[in-house]
Amino acid sequence: MTTMSTMDSSAPISLALDPTARALEESLFGYALGEERGPALVSCDLERACRLADRVLALREPWCGRFVDYIAYRVTGEARQGQRPPRAQLAVWLTHERLHRLVWELLRTWTGEA
């Protein structure tokens, strides 16, 4: 597996699946993120991904760390072991449209936004 410190931001994103994430993704999308249909990677624009990364990073601890851990785990399949990825890396990961939507939905639910 690739670790965050060695991950190339241009490398394809592989999304690790666990039963809880699979159930959540299937409820949101009708299938899990790792079971891509159609184009292998649909991306959103980087500006939109940066805004979402900023919203995640603006959360108070421990929630910021937990959201970042979740995103990093979904991308790398590994726990980050106390290493927070830079904002730019987080934003690149969040250009994956389905991951972006999942994180946006989780954040929206967590913050109580309509």
C-alpha atoms as a PDB file:
ATOM      1  CA  MET A   1       0.000   0.000   0.000  1.00  0.00           C
ATOM      2  CA  THR A   2       1.039   3.575  -0.585  1.00  0.00           C
ATOM      3  CA  THR A   3       1.493   5.758   2.464  1.00  0.00           C
ATOM      4  CA  MET A   4       0.496   9.393   2.557  1.00  0.00           C
ATOM      5  CA  SER A   5       4.064  10.580   2.736  1.00  0.00           C
ATOM      6  CA  THR A   6       4.925   8.801  -0.515  1.00  0.00           C
ATOM      7  CA  MET A   7       1.615   9.146  -2.328  1.00  0.00           C
ATOM      8  CA  ASP A   8       1.807  10.985  -5.643  1.00  0.00           C
ATOM      9  CA  SER A   9      -1.064  13.461  -5.860  1.00  0.00           C
ATOM     10  CA  SER A  10      -1.519  12.552  -9.540  1.00  0.00           C
ATOM     11  CA  ALA A  11      -1.819   8.828  -8.777  1.00  0.00           C
ATOM     12  CA  PRO A  12      -5.266   7.277  -9.191  1.00  0.00           C
ATOM     13  CA  ILE A  13      -7.295   7.139  -6.013  1.00  0.00           C
ATOM     14  CA  SER A  14      -8.138   3.661  -4.804  1.00  0.00           C
ATOM     15  CA  LEU A  15     -10.858   3.659  -2.199  1.00  0.00           C
ATOM     16  CA  ALA A  16     -10.623   1.082   0.570  1.00  0.00           C
ATOM     17  CA  LEU A  17     -13.904  -0.422   1.687  1.00  0.00           C
ATOM     18  CA  ASP A  18     -15.047  -1.598   5.078  1.00  0.00           C
ATOM     19  CA  PRO A  19     -18.575  -2.825   5.904  1.00  0.00           C
ATOM     20  CA  THR A  20     -19.718   0.407   7.587  1.00  0.00           C
ATOM     21  CA  ALA A  21     -18.439   2.642   4.775  1.00  0.00           C
ATOM     22  CA  ARG A  22     -19.873   0.277   2.165  1.00  0.00           C
ATOM     23  CA  ALA A  23     -23.345   0.446   3.777  1.00  0.00           C
ATOM     24  CA  LEU A  24     -23.238   4.251   3.990  1.00  0.00           C
ATOM     25  CA  GLU A  25     -22.040   4.640   0.414  1.00  0.00           C
ATOM     26  CA  GLU A  26     -24.621   2.186  -0.873  1.00  0.00           C
ATOM     27  CA  SER A  27     -27.369   4.140   0.903  1.00  0.00           C
ATOM     28  CA  LEU A  28     -26.136   7.418  -0.662  1.00  0.00           C
ATOM     29  CA  PHE A  29     -25.201   6.247  -4.149  1.00  0.00           C
ATOM     30  CA  GLY A  30     -26.798   2.842  -4.636  1.00  0.00           C
ATOM     31  CA  TYR A  31     -23.333   1.238  -4.719  1.00  0.00           C
ATOM     32  CA  ALA A  32     -20.026   1.556  -2.904  1.00  0.00           C
ATOM     33  CA  LEU A  33     -17.297   3.981  -4.011  1.00  0.00           C
ATOM     34  CA  GLY A  34     -14.902   1.149  -4.843  1.00  0.00           C
ATOM     35  CA  GLU A  35     -17.429  -0.303  -7.286  1.00  0.00           C
ATOM     36  CA  GLU A  36     -17.158   2.477  -9.855  1.00  0.00           C
ATOM     37  CA  ARG A  37     -19.531   2.398 -12.784  1.00  0.00           C
ATOM     38  CA  GLY A  38     -18.952   4.328 -15.954  1.00  0.00           C
ATOM     39  CA  PRO A  39     -15.743   6.367 -16.065  1.00  0.00           C
ATOM     40  CA  ALA A  40     -13.298   5.094 -13.450  1.00  0.00           C
ATOM     41  CA  LEU A  41     -12.775   8.545 -11.940  1.00  0.00           C
ATOM     42  CA  VAL A  42     -15.183  11.435 -12.160  1.00  0.00           C
ATOM     43  CA  SER A  43     -13.593  14.520 -10.690  1.00  0.00           C
ATOM     44  CA  CYS A  44     -14.971  17.766  -9.377  1.00  0.00           C
ATOM     45  CA  ASP A  45     -13.066  20.997  -9.770  1.00  0.00           C
ATOM     46  CA  LEU A  46     -10.171  21.727  -7.462  1.00  0.00           C
ATOM     47  CA  GLU A  47     -11.680  24.997  -6.191  1.00  0.00           C
ATOM     48  CA  ARG A  48     -14.756  23.156  -4.929  1.00  0.00           C
ATOM     49  CA  ALA A  49     -12.551  20.477  -3.364  1.00  0.00           C
ATOM     50  CA  CYS A  50     -10.445  23.179  -1.646  1.00  0.00           C
ATOM     51  CA  ARG A  51     -13.576  24.739  -0.136  1.00  0.00           C
ATOM     52  CA  LEU A  52     -14.623  21.362   1.280  1.00  0.00           C
ATOM     53  CA  ALA A  53     -11.098  20.696   2.592  1.00  0.00           C
ATOM     54  CA  ASP A  54     -11.180  24.095   4.319  1.00  0.00           C
ATOM     55  CA  ARG A  55     -14.534  23.276   5.922  1.00  0.00           C
ATOM     56  CA  VAL A  56     -13.172  19.986   7.236  1.00  0.00           C
ATOM     57  CA  LEU A  57      -9.991  21.631   8.520  1.00  0.00           C
ATOM     58  CA  ALA A  58     -12.050  24.345  10.252  1.00  0.00           C
ATOM     59  CA  LEU A  59     -13.744  21.782  12.516  1.00  0.00           C
ATOM     60  CA  ARG A  60     -12.687  21.722  16.159  1.00  0.00           C
ATOM     61  CA  GLU A  61     -10.671  18.793  17.420  1.00  0.00           C
ATOM     62  CA  PRO A  62     -11.215  15.942  17.747  1.00  0.00           C
ATOM     63  CA  TRP A  63     -13.669  16.165  14.827  1.00  0.00           C
ATOM     64  CA  CYS A  64     -11.245  17.697  12.356  1.00  0.00           C
ATOM     65  CA  GLY A  65      -8.789  14.878  12.944  1.00  0.00           C
ATOM     66  CA  ARG A  66     -11.512  12.263  12.695  1.00  0.00           C
ATOM     67  CA  PHE A  67     -12.775  13.592   9.366  1.00  0.00           C
ATOM     68  CA  VAL A  68      -9.216  13.823   8.010  1.00  0.00           C
ATOM     69  CA  ASP A  69      -8.479  10.302   9.267  1.00  0.00           C
ATOM     70  CA  TYR A  70     -11.596   9.007   7.539  1.00  0.00           C
ATOM     71  CA  ILE A  71     -10.748  10.696   4.234  1.00  0.00           C
ATOM     72  CA  ALA A  72      -7.144   9.484   4.358  1.00  0.00           C
ATOM     73  CA  TYR A  73      -8.266   5.953   5.182  1.00  0.00           C
ATOM     74  CA  ARG A  74     -10.778   5.941   2.311  1.00  0.00           C
ATOM     75  CA  VAL A  75      -8.023   6.946  -0.105  1.00  0.00           C
ATOM     76  CA  THR A  76      -5.002   5.017   1.165  1.00  0.00           C
ATOM     77  CA  GLY A  77      -6.617   2.094   2.973  1.00  0.00           C
ATOM     78  CA  GLU A  78      -4.325   2.736   5.926  1.00  0.00           C
ATOM     79  CA  ALA A  79      -4.613   4.619   9.190  1.00  0.00           C
ATOM     80  CA  ARG A  80      -2.588   7.825   9.066  1.00  0.00           C
ATOM     81  CA  GLN A  81      -0.906   7.187  12.428  1.00  0.00           C
ATOM     82  CA  GLY A  82      -0.860  10.812  13.580  1.00  0.00           C
ATOM     83  CA  GLN A  83       0.311  12.280  10.273  1.00  0.00           C
ATOM     84  CA  ARG A  84      -2.059  14.893   8.895  1.00  0.00           C
ATOM     85  CA  PRO A  85      -1.870  15.317   5.135  1.00  0.00           C
ATOM     86  CA  PRO A  86      -1.318  18.871   3.888  1.00  0.00           C
ATOM     87  CA  ARG A  87      -4.377  20.870   2.841  1.00  0.00           C
ATOM     88  CA  ALA A  88      -3.361  20.555  -0.828  1.00  0.00           C
ATOM     89  CA  GLN A  89      -3.257  16.744  -0.604  1.00  0.00           C
ATOM     90  CA  LEU A  90      -6.635  16.668   1.107  1.00  0.00           C
ATOM     91  CA  ALA A  91      -8.078  18.875  -1.635  1.00  0.00           C
ATOM     92  CA  VAL A  92      -6.645  16.645  -4.385  1.00  0.00           C
ATOM     93  CA  TRP A  93      -8.232  13.607  -2.761  1.00  0.00           C
ATOM     94  CA  LEU A  94     -11.546  15.469  -2.535  1.00  0.00           C
ATOM     95  CA  THR A  95     -11.589  16.051  -6.299  1.00  0.00           C
ATOM     96  CA  HIS A  96     -12.878  12.480  -6.526  1.00  0.00           C
ATOM     97  CA  GLU A  97     -16.545  13.304  -7.080  1.00  0.00           C
ATOM     98  CA  ARG A  98     -18.031  10.456  -5.086  1.00  0.00           C
ATOM     99  CA  LEU A  99     -15.622  10.883  -2.184  1.00  0.00           C
ATOM    100  CA  HIS A 100     -16.381  14.619  -2.270  1.00  0.00           C
ATOM    101  CA  ARG A 101     -20.092  13.950  -2.094  1.00  0.00           C
ATOM    102  CA  LEU A 102     -19.697  11.424   0.715  1.00  0.00           C
ATOM    103  CA  VAL A 103     -17.585  13.804   2.820  1.00  0.00           C
ATOM    104  CA  TRP A 104     -19.935  16.702   2.040  1.00  0.00           C
ATOM    105  CA  GLU A 105     -22.945  14.612   3.153  1.00  0.00           C
ATOM    106  CA  LEU A 106     -21.171  13.490   6.328  1.00  0.00           C
ATOM    107  CA  LEU A 107     -20.096  17.052   7.142  1.00  0.00           C
ATOM    108  CA  ARG A 108     -23.550  18.441   6.386  1.00  0.00           C
ATOM    109  CA  THR A 109     -25.132  15.847   8.672  1.00  0.00           C
ATOM    110  CA  TRP A 110     -22.550  16.435  11.411  1.00  0.00           C
ATOM    111  CA  THR A 111     -22.966  20.222  11.392  1.00  0.00           C
ATOM    112  CA  GLY A 112     -26.768  20.027  11.099  1.00  0.00           C
ATOM    113  CA  GLU A 113     -26.889  22.035   7.858  1.00  0.00           C
ATOM    114  CA  ALA A 114     -29.912  21.571   5.618  1.00  0.00           C
END
